[in-house]
N, C-alpha and C. Protein backbone atom coordinates (compact mmCIF):
# COMPACT_ATOMS: atom_id res chain seq x y z
N MET A 1 10.99 -9.22 4.56
CA MET A 1 11.55 -10.39 4.02
C MET A 1 12.63 -9.83 2.94
N LYS A 2 13.68 -10.61 2.84
CA LYS A 2 14.71 -10.24 1.70
C LYS A 2 14.00 -10.60 0.40
N ALA A 3 14.33 -9.92 -0.59
CA ALA A 3 13.77 -10.04 -2.07
C ALA A 3 14.90 -9.93 -3.11
N LEU A 4 14.61 -10.57 -4.28
CA LEU A 4 15.54 -10.59 -5.33
C LEU A 4 14.82 -10.44 -6.64
N SER A 5 15.24 -9.54 -7.50
CA SER A 5 14.64 -9.30 -8.84
C SER A 5 15.14 -10.29 -9.76
N ILE A 6 14.33 -10.95 -10.54
CA ILE A 6 14.69 -11.85 -11.54
C ILE A 6 13.83 -11.69 -12.85
N ARG A 7 14.42 -11.85 -13.99
CA ARG A 7 13.49 -11.82 -15.24
C ARG A 7 12.35 -12.70 -15.09
N SER A 8 11.17 -12.34 -15.49
CA SER A 8 9.97 -13.02 -15.21
C SER A 8 9.95 -14.43 -15.89
N ASP A 9 10.72 -14.69 -16.90
CA ASP A 9 10.64 -16.03 -17.50
C ASP A 9 11.42 -17.03 -16.56
N TYR A 10 12.63 -16.45 -16.03
CA TYR A 10 13.40 -17.30 -15.08
C TYR A 10 12.61 -17.57 -13.78
N ALA A 11 11.93 -16.42 -13.27
CA ALA A 11 11.04 -16.46 -12.09
C ALA A 11 9.98 -17.50 -12.25
N ALA A 12 9.41 -17.63 -13.48
CA ALA A 12 8.29 -18.63 -13.74
C ALA A 12 8.86 -19.94 -13.61
N GLU A 13 10.10 -20.24 -14.09
CA GLU A 13 10.81 -21.53 -13.87
C GLU A 13 11.07 -21.92 -12.42
N ILE A 14 11.32 -20.96 -11.62
CA ILE A 14 11.45 -21.16 -10.18
C ILE A 14 10.13 -21.45 -9.54
N MET A 15 9.09 -20.69 -9.92
CA MET A 15 7.82 -20.82 -9.49
C MET A 15 7.15 -22.29 -9.79
N ASN A 16 7.45 -22.72 -11.01
CA ASN A 16 6.86 -24.10 -11.35
C ASN A 16 7.86 -25.23 -10.84
N GLY A 17 8.88 -24.91 -10.20
CA GLY A 17 9.74 -25.95 -9.61
C GLY A 17 10.80 -26.58 -10.59
N THR A 18 10.94 -26.08 -11.74
CA THR A 18 12.00 -26.68 -12.67
C THR A 18 13.23 -25.99 -12.49
N LYS A 19 13.27 -24.83 -12.03
CA LYS A 19 14.57 -24.14 -11.73
C LYS A 19 14.90 -24.21 -10.24
N THR A 20 15.91 -24.98 -9.92
CA THR A 20 16.20 -25.35 -8.53
C THR A 20 17.37 -24.66 -8.00
N GLU A 21 18.07 -23.81 -9.05
CA GLU A 21 19.20 -22.98 -8.57
C GLU A 21 19.07 -21.71 -9.34
N GLU A 22 19.48 -20.67 -8.62
CA GLU A 22 19.54 -19.31 -9.18
C GLU A 22 21.09 -18.95 -9.24
N TYR A 23 21.47 -18.62 -10.42
CA TYR A 23 22.93 -18.24 -10.61
C TYR A 23 23.19 -16.78 -10.48
N ARG A 24 24.29 -16.40 -9.76
CA ARG A 24 24.61 -15.02 -9.45
C ARG A 24 26.16 -15.03 -9.52
N SER A 25 26.66 -13.86 -9.90
CA SER A 25 28.10 -13.53 -9.81
C SER A 25 28.60 -13.27 -8.30
N TRP A 26 27.73 -13.12 -7.37
CA TRP A 26 28.03 -12.82 -6.11
C TRP A 26 27.30 -13.73 -5.08
N SER A 27 27.81 -13.83 -3.99
CA SER A 27 27.27 -14.74 -2.84
C SER A 27 26.70 -13.85 -1.76
N THR A 28 26.03 -14.53 -0.96
CA THR A 28 25.47 -13.83 0.33
C THR A 28 25.44 -14.87 1.43
N LYS A 29 25.39 -14.47 2.66
CA LYS A 29 25.39 -15.32 3.77
C LYS A 29 23.95 -15.60 4.18
N TYR A 30 22.94 -14.91 3.48
CA TYR A 30 21.65 -14.99 3.75
C TYR A 30 21.14 -16.39 3.36
N ARG A 31 20.31 -17.11 4.26
CA ARG A 31 19.68 -18.23 3.96
C ARG A 31 18.25 -18.23 4.44
N GLY A 32 17.32 -18.80 3.90
CA GLY A 32 15.95 -18.77 4.30
C GLY A 32 15.06 -18.28 3.19
N ASP A 33 13.88 -17.76 3.46
CA ASP A 33 12.92 -17.36 2.55
C ASP A 33 13.36 -16.09 1.87
N LEU A 34 13.17 -16.20 0.53
CA LEU A 34 13.61 -15.12 -0.34
C LEU A 34 12.35 -14.83 -1.39
N LEU A 35 11.88 -13.56 -1.33
CA LEU A 35 10.81 -13.19 -2.19
C LEU A 35 11.38 -13.03 -3.62
N ILE A 36 10.80 -13.77 -4.57
CA ILE A 36 11.19 -13.66 -6.04
C ILE A 36 10.29 -12.60 -6.63
N CYS A 37 10.91 -11.49 -7.12
CA CYS A 37 10.27 -10.42 -7.77
C CYS A 37 10.49 -10.42 -9.22
N ASN A 38 9.50 -10.55 -10.09
CA ASN A 38 9.59 -10.34 -11.49
C ASN A 38 10.07 -8.97 -11.87
N THR A 39 11.04 -9.02 -12.74
CA THR A 39 11.54 -7.49 -13.18
C THR A 39 10.37 -6.90 -14.00
N ALA A 40 10.39 -5.63 -14.25
CA ALA A 40 9.37 -4.98 -15.05
C ALA A 40 9.38 -5.22 -16.47
N LYS A 41 10.58 -5.75 -17.02
CA LYS A 41 10.65 -6.08 -18.39
C LYS A 41 9.54 -7.03 -18.91
N LYS A 42 8.81 -6.56 -19.88
CA LYS A 42 7.69 -7.21 -20.50
C LYS A 42 8.11 -8.38 -21.41
N ILE A 43 7.71 -9.63 -21.05
CA ILE A 43 8.10 -10.76 -21.94
C ILE A 43 6.75 -11.52 -22.04
N ARG A 44 6.39 -11.71 -23.28
CA ARG A 44 4.97 -12.20 -23.69
C ARG A 44 4.80 -13.46 -22.93
N GLY A 45 3.61 -13.53 -22.26
CA GLY A 45 3.14 -14.76 -21.56
C GLY A 45 3.57 -14.82 -20.13
N PHE A 46 4.35 -13.75 -19.63
CA PHE A 46 4.82 -13.82 -18.26
C PHE A 46 4.28 -12.53 -17.54
N VAL A 47 4.49 -12.45 -16.25
CA VAL A 47 3.96 -11.47 -15.31
C VAL A 47 5.05 -10.42 -14.97
N PRO A 48 5.09 -9.28 -15.50
CA PRO A 48 6.22 -8.26 -15.19
C PRO A 48 5.78 -7.47 -13.85
N GLY A 49 6.86 -7.29 -13.15
CA GLY A 49 6.61 -6.28 -12.06
C GLY A 49 5.82 -6.89 -10.77
N TYR A 50 5.65 -8.18 -10.65
CA TYR A 50 5.09 -8.74 -9.37
C TYR A 50 5.93 -9.77 -8.83
N ALA A 51 5.68 -9.92 -7.43
CA ALA A 51 6.26 -11.12 -6.80
C ALA A 51 5.20 -12.15 -6.71
N LEU A 52 5.61 -13.43 -7.07
CA LEU A 52 4.61 -14.50 -7.14
C LEU A 52 4.91 -15.58 -6.25
N CYS A 53 6.05 -15.76 -5.76
CA CYS A 53 6.53 -16.85 -4.84
C CYS A 53 7.65 -16.44 -3.94
N VAL A 54 7.85 -17.35 -2.95
CA VAL A 54 8.96 -17.24 -2.08
C VAL A 54 9.80 -18.68 -2.23
N ALA A 55 11.08 -18.32 -2.60
CA ALA A 55 11.95 -19.50 -2.70
C ALA A 55 12.84 -19.52 -1.44
N LYS A 56 12.82 -20.73 -0.86
CA LYS A 56 13.70 -20.96 0.30
C LYS A 56 15.13 -21.22 -0.06
N ILE A 57 16.10 -20.39 0.18
CA ILE A 57 17.44 -20.56 -0.17
C ILE A 57 18.10 -21.50 0.96
N VAL A 58 18.53 -22.63 0.51
CA VAL A 58 19.03 -23.63 1.58
C VAL A 58 20.58 -23.68 1.59
N GLY A 59 21.05 -23.12 0.58
CA GLY A 59 22.67 -23.19 0.45
C GLY A 59 23.14 -22.45 -0.73
N ILE A 60 24.25 -22.05 -0.72
CA ILE A 60 25.00 -21.37 -1.93
C ILE A 60 26.38 -22.15 -2.16
N GLU A 61 26.56 -22.47 -3.40
CA GLU A 61 27.81 -23.29 -3.70
C GLU A 61 28.47 -22.49 -4.80
N GLN A 62 29.84 -22.25 -4.61
CA GLN A 62 30.69 -21.59 -5.45
C GLN A 62 31.03 -22.62 -6.67
N ARG A 63 31.06 -22.17 -7.92
CA ARG A 63 31.32 -23.09 -9.04
C ARG A 63 32.25 -22.21 -9.94
N GLN A 64 32.88 -23.02 -10.86
CA GLN A 64 33.82 -22.61 -11.93
C GLN A 64 33.42 -23.04 -13.26
N ASP A 65 33.44 -22.22 -14.17
CA ASP A 65 33.37 -22.76 -15.55
C ASP A 65 34.38 -21.98 -16.38
N GLN A 66 34.18 -22.14 -17.81
CA GLN A 66 35.13 -21.55 -18.69
C GLN A 66 35.05 -19.97 -18.73
N ASP A 67 33.98 -19.43 -18.11
CA ASP A 67 33.84 -17.95 -18.01
C ASP A 67 34.26 -17.34 -16.64
N GLY A 68 34.54 -18.26 -15.71
CA GLY A 68 34.98 -17.84 -14.40
C GLY A 68 34.29 -18.34 -13.30
N SER A 69 34.23 -17.61 -12.17
CA SER A 69 33.56 -18.17 -11.01
C SER A 69 32.13 -17.66 -10.83
N TYR A 70 31.20 -18.47 -10.28
CA TYR A 70 29.82 -18.00 -10.11
C TYR A 70 29.32 -18.68 -8.92
N TYR A 71 28.05 -18.29 -8.45
CA TYR A 71 27.46 -18.97 -7.32
C TYR A 71 26.08 -19.50 -7.70
N ALA A 72 25.88 -20.71 -7.27
CA ALA A 72 24.53 -21.46 -7.38
C ALA A 72 23.73 -21.32 -6.13
N TRP A 73 22.80 -20.55 -6.05
CA TRP A 73 21.94 -20.54 -4.91
C TRP A 73 20.91 -21.56 -5.00
N LYS A 74 20.86 -22.53 -4.00
CA LYS A 74 20.06 -23.67 -4.04
C LYS A 74 18.76 -23.40 -3.42
N ILE A 75 17.59 -23.83 -4.23
CA ILE A 75 16.23 -23.58 -3.76
C ILE A 75 15.52 -24.84 -3.30
N ALA A 76 14.90 -24.75 -2.13
CA ALA A 76 14.19 -25.86 -1.54
C ALA A 76 12.95 -26.13 -2.57
N PRO A 77 12.45 -27.37 -2.53
CA PRO A 77 11.26 -27.68 -3.34
C PRO A 77 10.04 -26.91 -2.81
N PHE A 78 9.06 -26.82 -3.64
CA PHE A 78 7.83 -26.29 -3.24
C PHE A 78 7.07 -27.29 -2.50
N ALA A 79 7.17 -27.26 -1.12
CA ALA A 79 6.34 -28.30 -0.36
C ALA A 79 6.28 -27.67 1.00
N LYS A 80 5.50 -28.42 1.88
CA LYS A 80 5.37 -27.88 3.24
C LYS A 80 6.74 -27.63 3.90
N ASN A 81 6.94 -26.46 4.48
CA ASN A 81 8.22 -26.05 5.10
C ASN A 81 9.27 -25.72 4.01
N GLY A 82 8.92 -25.61 2.80
CA GLY A 82 9.91 -25.37 1.72
C GLY A 82 9.50 -23.96 1.01
N SER A 83 9.73 -23.95 -0.24
CA SER A 83 9.38 -22.74 -1.07
C SER A 83 7.75 -22.78 -1.18
N TYR A 84 7.30 -21.61 -1.56
CA TYR A 84 5.81 -21.45 -1.58
C TYR A 84 5.34 -20.35 -2.52
N TRP A 85 4.21 -20.52 -3.02
CA TRP A 85 3.52 -19.54 -3.83
C TRP A 85 2.86 -18.42 -2.91
N ILE A 86 2.64 -17.29 -3.46
CA ILE A 86 2.03 -16.17 -2.66
C ILE A 86 0.94 -15.45 -3.47
N LYS A 87 0.11 -14.79 -2.90
CA LYS A 87 -0.84 -13.86 -3.62
C LYS A 87 0.06 -12.80 -4.17
N PRO A 88 -0.18 -12.50 -5.42
CA PRO A 88 0.72 -11.55 -6.13
C PRO A 88 0.69 -10.19 -5.52
N ILE A 89 1.85 -9.58 -5.48
CA ILE A 89 2.03 -8.20 -4.93
C ILE A 89 2.87 -7.42 -5.97
N LYS A 90 2.48 -6.27 -6.29
CA LYS A 90 3.17 -5.38 -7.11
C LYS A 90 4.42 -4.92 -6.48
N VAL A 91 5.60 -5.05 -7.15
CA VAL A 91 6.89 -4.80 -6.55
C VAL A 91 7.74 -4.10 -7.50
N LYS A 92 8.41 -3.03 -7.07
CA LYS A 92 9.49 -2.42 -7.93
C LYS A 92 10.75 -2.93 -7.60
N GLY A 93 11.40 -3.62 -8.45
CA GLY A 93 12.71 -4.39 -8.18
C GLY A 93 13.79 -3.41 -7.97
N GLN A 94 14.89 -4.02 -7.49
CA GLN A 94 16.07 -3.24 -7.23
C GLN A 94 17.25 -4.24 -7.55
N LEU A 95 18.38 -3.70 -7.54
CA LEU A 95 19.65 -4.52 -7.57
C LEU A 95 19.97 -5.16 -6.35
N ARG A 96 20.63 -6.29 -6.32
CA ARG A 96 21.07 -7.07 -5.17
C ARG A 96 19.95 -7.47 -4.33
N LEU A 97 20.13 -7.89 -2.99
CA LEU A 97 19.04 -8.12 -2.18
C LEU A 97 18.39 -6.96 -1.63
N PHE A 98 17.13 -6.90 -1.44
CA PHE A 98 16.39 -5.68 -0.86
C PHE A 98 15.31 -6.21 0.10
N ASN A 99 14.72 -5.40 0.76
CA ASN A 99 13.63 -5.83 1.83
C ASN A 99 12.23 -5.32 1.34
N ILE A 100 11.29 -6.25 1.67
CA ILE A 100 9.89 -6.03 1.38
C ILE A 100 9.25 -6.40 2.75
N ASP A 101 8.23 -5.49 3.19
CA ASP A 101 7.55 -5.60 4.45
C ASP A 101 6.86 -7.04 4.45
N ASP A 102 7.08 -7.86 5.59
CA ASP A 102 6.56 -9.19 5.71
C ASP A 102 4.95 -9.05 5.56
N HIS A 103 4.36 -8.04 6.07
CA HIS A 103 2.88 -8.09 6.14
C HIS A 103 2.26 -7.96 4.71
N LEU A 104 3.04 -7.69 3.66
CA LEU A 104 2.54 -7.70 2.33
C LEU A 104 2.43 -9.08 1.75
N ILE A 105 3.07 -10.14 2.36
CA ILE A 105 3.23 -11.44 1.80
C ILE A 105 2.09 -12.32 2.42
N GLU A 106 1.39 -12.86 1.42
CA GLU A 106 0.20 -13.76 1.90
C GLU A 106 0.40 -15.09 1.10
N ARG A 107 0.57 -16.19 1.90
CA ARG A 107 0.61 -17.50 1.07
C ARG A 107 -0.49 -17.87 0.30
N ALA A 108 -0.27 -18.54 -0.84
CA ALA A 108 -1.42 -19.19 -1.54
C ALA A 108 -2.09 -20.16 -0.74
N PRO A 109 -3.35 -20.36 -0.98
CA PRO A 109 -4.22 -21.35 -0.16
C PRO A 109 -3.96 -22.78 -0.32
N PHE A 110 -2.69 -23.30 -0.70
CA PHE A 110 -2.39 -24.70 -0.87
C PHE A 110 -0.87 -24.79 -0.87
N THR A 111 -0.50 -26.00 -0.71
CA THR A 111 1.03 -26.40 -0.70
C THR A 111 1.44 -27.14 -1.89
N ASP A 112 0.61 -27.93 -2.60
CA ASP A 112 0.86 -28.73 -3.66
C ASP A 112 0.71 -27.89 -4.96
N ILE A 113 1.85 -27.49 -5.58
CA ILE A 113 1.78 -26.61 -6.75
C ILE A 113 1.40 -27.36 -7.93
N HIS A 114 1.14 -28.69 -7.93
CA HIS A 114 0.70 -29.36 -9.07
C HIS A 114 -0.72 -29.91 -8.90
N SER A 115 -1.46 -29.31 -7.88
CA SER A 115 -2.70 -29.77 -7.64
C SER A 115 -3.72 -29.13 -8.49
N LYS A 116 -4.97 -29.62 -8.52
CA LYS A 116 -6.07 -28.97 -9.28
C LYS A 116 -6.31 -27.66 -8.76
N THR A 117 -6.30 -27.45 -7.38
CA THR A 117 -6.46 -26.19 -6.65
C THR A 117 -5.59 -25.11 -7.15
N ALA A 118 -4.27 -25.54 -7.36
CA ALA A 118 -3.21 -24.65 -7.83
C ALA A 118 -3.49 -24.20 -9.23
N MET A 119 -3.83 -25.07 -10.10
CA MET A 119 -4.14 -24.77 -11.48
C MET A 119 -5.31 -23.88 -11.55
N GLU A 120 -6.32 -24.02 -10.74
CA GLU A 120 -7.47 -23.16 -10.74
C GLU A 120 -7.08 -21.74 -10.31
N TRP A 121 -6.21 -21.73 -9.23
CA TRP A 121 -5.72 -20.52 -8.65
C TRP A 121 -4.93 -19.72 -9.78
N ILE A 122 -4.14 -20.43 -10.55
CA ILE A 122 -3.26 -19.78 -11.59
C ILE A 122 -4.16 -19.11 -12.58
N ASN A 123 -5.23 -19.78 -13.01
CA ASN A 123 -6.17 -19.26 -14.03
C ASN A 123 -6.90 -18.18 -13.46
N LYS A 124 -7.24 -18.19 -12.26
CA LYS A 124 -8.09 -16.98 -11.75
C LYS A 124 -7.21 -15.84 -11.22
N VAL A 125 -6.08 -16.10 -10.61
CA VAL A 125 -5.23 -14.99 -10.00
C VAL A 125 -4.06 -14.55 -10.85
N ILE A 126 -3.25 -15.53 -11.40
CA ILE A 126 -2.07 -15.22 -12.08
C ILE A 126 -2.34 -14.74 -13.61
N ALA A 127 -3.15 -15.57 -14.34
CA ALA A 127 -3.34 -15.43 -15.72
C ALA A 127 -3.73 -13.98 -16.03
N PRO A 128 -4.59 -13.38 -15.30
CA PRO A 128 -5.01 -11.99 -15.67
C PRO A 128 -3.87 -11.05 -15.68
N LEU A 129 -2.76 -11.30 -15.03
CA LEU A 129 -1.60 -10.35 -14.86
C LEU A 129 -0.58 -10.48 -16.03
N ARG A 130 -0.75 -11.64 -16.82
CA ARG A 130 0.21 -11.90 -17.87
C ARG A 130 0.17 -10.73 -18.83
N TYR A 131 1.40 -10.52 -19.46
CA TYR A 131 1.57 -9.64 -20.54
C TYR A 131 1.18 -10.32 -21.83
């Protein structure tokens, strides 16, 4: 699976569904499942060095602002056939897109990220990894 390293605080926003676009100075023709990998930078309250979710990239839009051109990578909602949480896997990030073996990626046992099951899973599986 294609993967992308992102600061863990931004990756957490993607994971909780509040960040629906990822901004980059470069584009890609790639569309589909993208493993979101938290960088190793330690930020209090977040999980450094792990992949915690898969964001489905459904489109990329070029935009312009006062600082120049950039690309908005559009992320599908966390729902059936969309983006999804995974069992945490330790990942050493890289620049640009890189590949991670598909067999390492295991979906979380639910689809509704706002469910009681999801909150229990966070407390049991994710919380112990926080810095």
